[in-house]
Amino acid sequence: MEIIGHRGCPVYGPENTITAFKTASEYVDMIELDVQRCQTGELVVFHDTALSRLTRLDGAVPAVPWHKLSSVTIGDSTATIPRLSDVLSILPSEVGINIEVKHGGMAEEIESLVETISNRIIVSSFIPHALTEFTTDTIECGYLFDSEWESQIEIAQSLGCDAVHPAYELVTPERIEKAHASGLQVNAWTVPDTKTARVLQQYGVDGAIVDDWTVVETPHPMHVETQTIA
């Protein structure tokens, strides 16, 4: 089971920052990050639409120009909001990159940016039409959802996705088996602890999206007792 560092694993650094990504890249198989467009058109790495949770700046990312966002620090740290291009330039080639797109209209630019690197790329989104905009075979697509497994799997299949990214609470062995039989990988989010990670690994989940990379172990299969998610 692959370890996917959710927003760069904020347990160890401010989320969605170069600082966090550099640290996490030494311990995870793939980095997950969020991308949206700011007022002046740059693709910036930031999860929320509103800036207030993580910064001292009011307003929304789509309404703020890059020259202002670029100097905004995250929390009490000195880390700032990066552009997607900044992040792509610092990640080692062996680390995969899961780009969650927060809205449509970014596919062409993202495809152009990732042409210059050799990392494995998965683009994910809760928004079906945002995924249909990606046309290159070198980018995998994953459909995010947090309810109604069966109908969401049908949507993922209709979109031609390579993977589904469900909330971990939805996962069962039978659902994993059916997803794999349909040609879909399963990357579950956000896995909170070691016990849950062990269970998901036993179920056959392909990737665990985590805030803390240490929750994922790699025990010998013969040593894993049958358990269920509480």
C-alpha atoms as a PDB file:
ATOM      1  CA  MET A   1       0.000   0.000   0.000  1.00  0.00           C
ATOM      2  CA  GLU A   2       1.431   3.318  -1.057  1.00  0.00           C
ATOM      3  CA  ILE A   3       1.776   6.222   1.364  1.00  0.00           C
ATOM      4  CA  ILE A   4       0.284   9.410  -0.058  1.00  0.00           C
ATOM      5  CA  GLY A   5       1.169  12.537   1.925  1.00  0.00           C
ATOM      6  CA  HIS A   6      -2.037  14.579   2.265  1.00  0.00           C
ATOM      7  CA  ARG A   7      -1.147  18.270   1.721  1.00  0.00           C
ATOM      8  CA  GLY A   8       2.452  17.312   2.450  1.00  0.00           C
ATOM      9  CA  CYS A   9       1.634  15.713   5.840  1.00  0.00           C
ATOM     10  CA  PRO A  10       0.782  18.739   8.006  1.00  0.00           C
ATOM     11  CA  VAL A  11       1.756  16.886  11.171  1.00  0.00           C
ATOM     12  CA  TYR A  12       5.346  17.738  10.217  1.00  0.00           C
ATOM     13  CA  GLY A  13       5.047  21.078   8.449  1.00  0.00           C
ATOM     14  CA  PRO A  14       2.552  23.754   7.389  1.00  0.00           C
ATOM     15  CA  GLU A  15       0.153  22.231   4.889  1.00  0.00           C
ATOM     16  CA  ASN A  16       0.583  22.690   1.153  1.00  0.00           C
ATOM     17  CA  THR A  17       3.945  24.439   1.455  1.00  0.00           C
ATOM     18  CA  ILE A  18       7.391  23.827  -0.005  1.00  0.00           C
ATOM     19  CA  THR A  19       8.618  23.161   3.533  1.00  0.00           C
ATOM     20  CA  ALA A  20       6.111  20.356   4.070  1.00  0.00           C
ATOM     21  CA  PHE A  21       6.576  18.852   0.611  1.00  0.00           C
ATOM     22  CA  LYS A  22      10.364  18.714   0.896  1.00  0.00           C
ATOM     23  CA  THR A  23      10.168  16.953   4.248  1.00  0.00           C
ATOM     24  CA  ALA A  24       7.425  14.518   3.286  1.00  0.00           C
ATOM     25  CA  SER A  25       9.071  13.589  -0.010  1.00  0.00           C
ATOM     26  CA  GLU A  26      11.716  11.690   1.964  1.00  0.00           C
ATOM     27  CA  TYR A  27       9.113   9.413   3.561  1.00  0.00           C
ATOM     28  CA  VAL A  28       6.129   9.004   1.219  1.00  0.00           C
ATOM     29  CA  ASP A  29       5.513   7.429  -2.175  1.00  0.00           C
ATOM     30  CA  MET A  30       3.375  10.300  -3.401  1.00  0.00           C
ATOM     31  CA  ILE A  31       2.575  13.894  -2.435  1.00  0.00           C
ATOM     32  CA  GLU A  32      -1.036  15.089  -2.506  1.00  0.00           C
ATOM     33  CA  LEU A  33      -1.684  18.808  -2.986  1.00  0.00           C
ATOM     34  CA  ASP A  34      -4.533  21.163  -3.861  1.00  0.00           C
ATOM     35  CA  VAL A  35      -4.568  23.570  -6.789  1.00  0.00           C
ATOM     36  CA  GLN A  36      -6.764  26.548  -7.657  1.00  0.00           C
ATOM     37  CA  ARG A  37      -6.400  29.683  -9.728  1.00  0.00           C
ATOM     38  CA  CYS A  38      -5.846  33.077  -8.104  1.00  0.00           C
ATOM     39  CA  GLN A  39      -7.124  36.430  -9.424  1.00  0.00           C
ATOM     40  CA  THR A  40      -4.205  37.021 -11.791  1.00  0.00           C
ATOM     41  CA  GLY A  41      -4.349  33.518 -13.254  1.00  0.00           C
ATOM     42  CA  GLU A  42      -1.500  31.715 -11.507  1.00  0.00           C
ATOM     43  CA  LEU A  43      -2.133  28.159 -10.308  1.00  0.00           C
ATOM     44  CA  VAL A  44      -1.555  28.237  -6.566  1.00  0.00           C
ATOM     45  CA  VAL A  45      -1.300  25.411  -4.054  1.00  0.00           C
ATOM     46  CA  PHE A  46      -3.872  26.047  -1.336  1.00  0.00           C
ATOM     47  CA  HIS A  47      -6.785  23.966  -0.100  1.00  0.00           C
ATOM     48  CA  ASP A  48      -9.465  26.381   1.096  1.00  0.00           C
ATOM     49  CA  THR A  49     -11.213  28.996  -0.985  1.00  0.00           C
ATOM     50  CA  ALA A  50     -11.076  31.362   2.022  1.00  0.00           C
ATOM     51  CA  LEU A  51      -7.675  32.429   3.300  1.00  0.00           C
ATOM     52  CA  SER A  52      -8.699  33.031   6.926  1.00  0.00           C
ATOM     53  CA  ARG A  53      -8.171  29.537   8.390  1.00  0.00           C
ATOM     54  CA  LEU A  54      -4.471  29.404   7.602  1.00  0.00           C
ATOM     55  CA  THR A  55      -3.385  33.012   7.137  1.00  0.00           C
ATOM     56  CA  ARG A  56      -3.917  36.490   8.554  1.00  0.00           C
ATOM     57  CA  LEU A  57      -5.357  37.666   5.268  1.00  0.00           C
ATOM     58  CA  ASP A  58      -9.094  37.926   4.699  1.00  0.00           C
ATOM     59  CA  GLY A  59     -10.704  37.202   1.369  1.00  0.00           C
ATOM     60  CA  ALA A  60     -10.770  34.319  -1.100  1.00  0.00           C
ATOM     61  CA  VAL A  61      -7.947  32.937  -3.223  1.00  0.00           C
ATOM     62  CA  PRO A  62      -9.744  33.621  -6.549  1.00  0.00           C
ATOM     63  CA  ALA A  63     -10.077  37.303  -5.579  1.00  0.00           C
ATOM     64  CA  VAL A  64      -6.447  37.932  -4.578  1.00  0.00           C
ATOM     65  CA  PRO A  65      -3.604  38.598  -7.065  1.00  0.00           C
ATOM     66  CA  TRP A  66      -0.420  36.527  -6.993  1.00  0.00           C
ATOM     67  CA  HIS A  67       1.839  39.411  -5.994  1.00  0.00           C
ATOM     68  CA  LYS A  68      -0.130  39.630  -2.744  1.00  0.00           C
ATOM     69  CA  LEU A  69      -0.561  35.890  -2.157  1.00  0.00           C
ATOM     70  CA  SER A  70       3.126  35.196  -2.716  1.00  0.00           C
ATOM     71  CA  SER A  71       4.139  36.918   0.514  1.00  0.00           C
ATOM     72  CA  VAL A  72       1.358  35.492   2.699  1.00  0.00           C
ATOM     73  CA  THR A  73       2.691  33.179   5.416  1.00  0.00           C
ATOM     74  CA  ILE A  74       0.938  30.050   6.673  1.00  0.00           C
ATOM     75  CA  GLY A  75       0.000  30.036  10.355  1.00  0.00           C
ATOM     76  CA  ASP A  76       2.898  30.959  12.617  1.00  0.00           C
ATOM     77  CA  SER A  77       5.498  29.711  10.145  1.00  0.00           C
ATOM     78  CA  THR A  78       7.583  31.589   7.606  1.00  0.00           C
ATOM     79  CA  ALA A  79       6.388  29.275   4.825  1.00  0.00           C
ATOM     80  CA  THR A  80       4.433  30.950   2.047  1.00  0.00           C
ATOM     81  CA  ILE A  81       1.813  29.885  -0.485  1.00  0.00           C
ATOM     82  CA  PRO A  82       3.561  28.322  -3.505  1.00  0.00           C
ATOM     83  CA  ARG A  83       2.575  28.111  -7.146  1.00  0.00           C
ATOM     84  CA  LEU A  84       2.137  24.657  -8.650  1.00  0.00           C
ATOM     85  CA  SER A  85       5.170  25.286 -10.853  1.00  0.00           C
ATOM     86  CA  ASP A  86       7.273  25.981  -7.744  1.00  0.00           C
ATOM     87  CA  VAL A  87       6.293  22.660  -6.175  1.00  0.00           C
ATOM     88  CA  LEU A  88       6.842  20.630  -9.324  1.00  0.00           C
ATOM     89  CA  SER A  89      10.360  22.013  -9.602  1.00  0.00           C
ATOM     90  CA  ILE A  90      11.500  20.772  -6.172  1.00  0.00           C
ATOM     91  CA  LEU A  91      10.027  17.281  -5.873  1.00  0.00           C
ATOM     92  CA  PRO A  92      12.300  14.297  -6.625  1.00  0.00           C
ATOM     93  CA  SER A  93      11.353  12.410  -9.777  1.00  0.00           C
ATOM     94  CA  GLU A  94      10.730   9.181  -7.876  1.00  0.00           C
ATOM     95  CA  VAL A  95       7.962  10.775  -5.777  1.00  0.00           C
ATOM     96  CA  GLY A  96       4.513  10.692  -7.337  1.00  0.00           C
ATOM     97  CA  ILE A  97       2.292  13.765  -7.321  1.00  0.00           C
ATOM     98  CA  ASN A  98      -1.464  13.736  -6.713  1.00  0.00           C
ATOM     99  CA  ILE A  99      -2.884  17.076  -7.849  1.00  0.00           C
ATOM    100  CA  GLU A 100      -6.382  17.724  -6.527  1.00  0.00           C
ATOM    101  CA  VAL A 101      -8.033  20.308  -8.753  1.00  0.00           C
ATOM    102  CA  LYS A 102     -10.521  22.470  -6.881  1.00  0.00           C
ATOM    103  CA  HIS A 103     -12.347  23.656 -10.007  1.00  0.00           C
ATOM    104  CA  GLY A 104     -12.329  23.263 -13.773  1.00  0.00           C
ATOM    105  CA  GLY A 105     -10.435  25.266 -16.357  1.00  0.00           C
ATOM    106  CA  MET A 106      -6.904  24.289 -15.316  1.00  0.00           C
ATOM    107  CA  ALA A 107      -6.255  21.127 -17.310  1.00  0.00           C
ATOM    108  CA  GLU A 108      -4.387  22.623 -20.251  1.00  0.00           C
ATOM    109  CA  GLU A 109      -1.949  24.488 -18.026  1.00  0.00           C
ATOM    110  CA  ILE A 110      -1.394  21.531 -15.705  1.00  0.00           C
ATOM    111  CA  GLU A 111      -0.762  19.221 -18.643  1.00  0.00           C
ATOM    112  CA  SER A 112       1.812  21.668 -19.972  1.00  0.00           C
ATOM    113  CA  LEU A 113       3.556  21.966 -16.601  1.00  0.00           C
ATOM    114  CA  VAL A 114       3.870  18.231 -15.980  1.00  0.00           C
ATOM    115  CA  GLU A 115       5.282  17.607 -19.470  1.00  0.00           C
ATOM    116  CA  THR A 116       8.595  18.888 -18.145  1.00  0.00           C
ATOM    117  CA  ILE A 117       8.907  16.324 -15.323  1.00  0.00           C
ATOM    118  CA  SER A 118       8.994  12.529 -15.134  1.00  0.00           C
ATOM    119  CA  ASN A 119       7.055  12.021 -11.879  1.00  0.00           C
ATOM    120  CA  ARG A 120       3.966   9.839 -11.861  1.00  0.00           C
ATOM    121  CA  ILE A 121       0.967  12.203 -11.905  1.00  0.00           C
ATOM    122  CA  ILE A 122      -2.561  11.579 -10.657  1.00  0.00           C
ATOM    123  CA  VAL A 123      -5.124  14.353 -11.002  1.00  0.00           C
ATOM    124  CA  SER A 124      -8.078  13.993  -8.642  1.00  0.00           C
ATOM    125  CA  SER A 125     -11.259  15.946  -8.018  1.00  0.00           C
ATOM    126  CA  PHE A 126     -14.728  15.819  -6.509  1.00  0.00           C
ATOM    127  CA  ILE A 127     -15.920  17.569  -9.689  1.00  0.00           C
ATOM    128  CA  PRO A 128     -16.521  15.195 -12.629  1.00  0.00           C
ATOM    129  CA  HIS A 129     -16.268  17.804 -15.382  1.00  0.00           C
ATOM    130  CA  ALA A 130     -12.900  18.961 -14.054  1.00  0.00           C
ATOM    131  CA  LEU A 131     -11.534  15.472 -14.712  1.00  0.00           C
ATOM    132  CA  THR A 132     -12.962  15.201 -18.228  1.00  0.00           C
ATOM    133  CA  GLU A 133     -10.831  18.185 -19.253  1.00  0.00           C
ATOM    134  CA  PHE A 134      -7.651  16.095 -18.969  1.00  0.00           C
ATOM    135  CA  THR A 135      -6.840  14.297 -22.204  1.00  0.00           C
ATOM    136  CA  THR A 136      -3.208  13.172 -22.041  1.00  0.00           C
ATOM    137  CA  ASP A 137      -2.489   9.487 -21.418  1.00  0.00           C
ATOM    138  CA  THR A 138       0.457  10.317 -19.158  1.00  0.00           C
ATOM    139  CA  ILE A 139      -1.820  11.686 -16.423  1.00  0.00           C
ATOM    140  CA  GLU A 140      -3.937   9.318 -14.341  1.00  0.00           C
ATOM    141  CA  CYS A 141      -7.325  10.466 -13.064  1.00  0.00           C
ATOM    142  CA  GLY A 142      -8.905   9.732  -9.683  1.00  0.00           C
ATOM    143  CA  TYR A 143     -12.472  10.524  -8.657  1.00  0.00           C
ATOM    144  CA  LEU A 144     -12.922  11.790  -5.086  1.00  0.00           C
ATOM    145  CA  PHE A 145     -16.072  11.088  -3.081  1.00  0.00           C
ATOM    146  CA  ASP A 146     -17.311  10.689   0.490  1.00  0.00           C
ATOM    147  CA  SER A 147     -20.699   8.961   0.139  1.00  0.00           C
ATOM    148  CA  GLU A 148     -22.824   6.605  -1.987  1.00  0.00           C
ATOM    149  CA  TRP A 149     -20.112   4.161  -3.094  1.00  0.00           C
ATOM    150  CA  GLU A 150     -22.030   2.315  -5.818  1.00  0.00           C
ATOM    151  CA  SER A 151     -23.272   5.378  -7.706  1.00  0.00           C
ATOM    152  CA  GLN A 152     -19.897   7.099  -7.395  1.00  0.00           C
ATOM    153  CA  ILE A 153     -18.101   4.058  -8.806  1.00  0.00           C
ATOM    154  CA  GLU A 154     -20.432   4.246 -11.800  1.00  0.00           C
ATOM    155  CA  ILE A 155     -19.477   7.898 -12.282  1.00  0.00           C
ATOM    156  CA  ALA A 156     -15.768   7.051 -12.072  1.00  0.00           C
ATOM    157  CA  GLN A 157     -16.209   4.352 -14.705  1.00  0.00           C
ATOM    158  CA  SER A 158     -18.160   6.683 -16.988  1.00  0.00           C
ATOM    159  CA  LEU A 159     -15.351   9.247 -16.691  1.00  0.00           C
ATOM    160  CA  GLY A 160     -12.736   6.664 -17.633  1.00  0.00           C
ATOM    161  CA  CYS A 161     -10.889   7.132 -14.345  1.00  0.00           C
ATOM    162  CA  ASP A 162      -7.871   5.091 -13.338  1.00  0.00           C
ATOM    163  CA  ALA A 163      -8.654   5.303  -9.616  1.00  0.00           C
ATOM    164  CA  VAL A 164     -11.229   6.226  -7.025  1.00  0.00           C
ATOM    165  CA  HIS A 165     -10.364   8.221  -3.911  1.00  0.00           C
ATOM    166  CA  PRO A 166     -13.086   7.450  -1.340  1.00  0.00           C
ATOM    167  CA  ALA A 167     -13.325   8.474   2.296  1.00  0.00           C
ATOM    168  CA  TYR A 168     -11.757   5.567   4.172  1.00  0.00           C
ATOM    169  CA  GLU A 169     -14.965   4.877   6.153  1.00  0.00           C
ATOM    170  CA  LEU A 170     -16.657   3.675   2.955  1.00  0.00           C
ATOM    171  CA  VAL A 171     -14.125   0.945   2.249  1.00  0.00           C
ATOM    172  CA  THR A 172     -14.958  -2.767   2.589  1.00  0.00           C
ATOM    173  CA  PRO A 173     -13.153  -5.815   1.178  1.00  0.00           C
ATOM    174  CA  GLU A 174     -16.025  -6.498  -1.196  1.00  0.00           C
ATOM    175  CA  ARG A 175     -16.006  -2.950  -2.535  1.00  0.00           C
ATOM    176  CA  ILE A 176     -12.247  -3.063  -3.068  1.00  0.00           C
ATOM    177  CA  GLU A 177     -12.548  -6.352  -4.931  1.00  0.00           C
ATOM    178  CA  LYS A 178     -15.260  -4.981  -7.215  1.00  0.00           C
ATOM    179  CA  ALA A 179     -13.334  -1.768  -7.865  1.00  0.00           C
ATOM    180  CA  HIS A 180     -10.213  -3.727  -8.810  1.00  0.00           C
ATOM    181  CA  ALA A 181     -12.282  -5.994 -11.048  1.00  0.00           C
ATOM    182  CA  SER A 182     -13.457  -2.828 -12.819  1.00  0.00           C
ATOM    183  CA  GLY A 183      -9.873  -1.693 -13.349  1.00  0.00           C
ATOM    184  CA  LEU A 184      -9.948   0.985 -10.640  1.00  0.00           C
ATOM    185  CA  GLN A 185      -7.256   1.513  -8.041  1.00  0.00           C
ATOM    186  CA  VAL A 186      -8.478   2.609  -4.608  1.00  0.00           C
ATOM    187  CA  ASN A 187      -6.704   5.366  -2.653  1.00  0.00           C
ATOM    188  CA  ALA A 188      -8.501   6.070   0.624  1.00  0.00           C
ATOM    189  CA  TRP A 189      -8.496   9.330   2.610  1.00  0.00           C
ATOM    190  CA  THR A 190      -7.706  10.564   5.208  1.00  0.00           C
ATOM    191  CA  VAL A 191      -6.406   7.540   7.138  1.00  0.00           C
ATOM    192  CA  PRO A 192      -6.152   8.612  10.801  1.00  0.00           C
ATOM    193  CA  ASP A 193      -4.168   5.945  12.627  1.00  0.00           C
ATOM    194  CA  THR A 194      -2.121   2.775  12.400  1.00  0.00           C
ATOM    195  CA  LYS A 195      -4.981   0.407  13.204  1.00  0.00           C
ATOM    196  CA  THR A 196      -7.090   1.786  10.371  1.00  0.00           C
ATOM    197  CA  ALA A 197      -4.128   1.667   7.994  1.00  0.00           C
ATOM    198  CA  ARG A 198      -3.523  -1.999   8.850  1.00  0.00           C
ATOM    199  CA  VAL A 199      -7.149  -2.869   8.155  1.00  0.00           C
ATOM    200  CA  LEU A 200      -7.187  -1.001   4.839  1.00  0.00           C
ATOM    201  CA  GLN A 201      -3.976  -2.702   3.785  1.00  0.00           C
ATOM    202  CA  GLN A 202      -5.536  -6.066   4.565  1.00  0.00           C
ATOM    203  CA  TYR A 203      -8.594  -5.097   2.515  1.00  0.00           C
ATOM    204  CA  GLY A 204      -6.349  -4.443  -0.483  1.00  0.00           C
ATOM    205  CA  VAL A 205      -6.413  -0.646  -0.635  1.00  0.00           C
ATOM    206  CA  ASP A 206      -3.769   0.611  -3.084  1.00  0.00           C
ATOM    207  CA  GLY A 207      -2.912   3.904  -1.389  1.00  0.00           C
ATOM    208  CA  ALA A 208      -3.460   5.508   2.014  1.00  0.00           C
ATOM    209  CA  ILE A 209      -3.782   9.299   1.979  1.00  0.00           C
ATOM    210  CA  VAL A 210      -2.434  10.431   5.350  1.00  0.00           C
ATOM    211  CA  ASP A 211      -1.555  13.500   7.402  1.00  0.00           C
ATOM    212  CA  ASP A 212       1.158  11.493   9.193  1.00  0.00           C
ATOM    213  CA  TRP A 213       3.247   9.024   7.199  1.00  0.00           C
ATOM    214  CA  THR A 214       4.087   6.967  10.305  1.00  0.00           C
ATOM    215  CA  VAL A 215       0.543   5.555  10.539  1.00  0.00           C
ATOM    216  CA  VAL A 216       1.303   3.220   7.622  1.00  0.00           C
ATOM    217  CA  GLU A 217       3.280   0.094   8.376  1.00  0.00           C
ATOM    218  CA  THR A 218       4.288  -2.719   6.053  1.00  0.00           C
ATOM    219  CA  PRO A 219       3.814  -5.895   8.124  1.00  0.00           C
ATOM    220  CA  HIS A 220       4.207  -9.352   6.637  1.00  0.00           C
ATOM    221  CA  PRO A 221       0.739 -10.469   5.455  1.00  0.00           C
ATOM    222  CA  MET A 222       0.924 -13.622   7.610  1.00  0.00           C
ATOM    223  CA  HIS A 223       1.178 -11.443  10.724  1.00  0.00           C
ATOM    224  CA  VAL A 224      -1.948  -9.394  10.052  1.00  0.00           C
ATOM    225  CA  GLU A 225      -4.980 -10.530  12.029  1.00  0.00           C
ATOM    226  CA  THR A 226      -8.431 -10.141  10.524  1.00  0.00           C
ATOM    227  CA  GLN A 227      -9.897  -6.853  11.750  1.00  0.00           C
ATOM    228  CA  THR A 228     -12.550  -4.348  10.763  1.00  0.00           C
ATOM    229  CA  ILE A 229     -12.702  -0.568  10.736  1.00  0.00           C
ATOM    230  CA  ALA A 230     -14.332   0.551  13.984  1.00  0.00           C
END
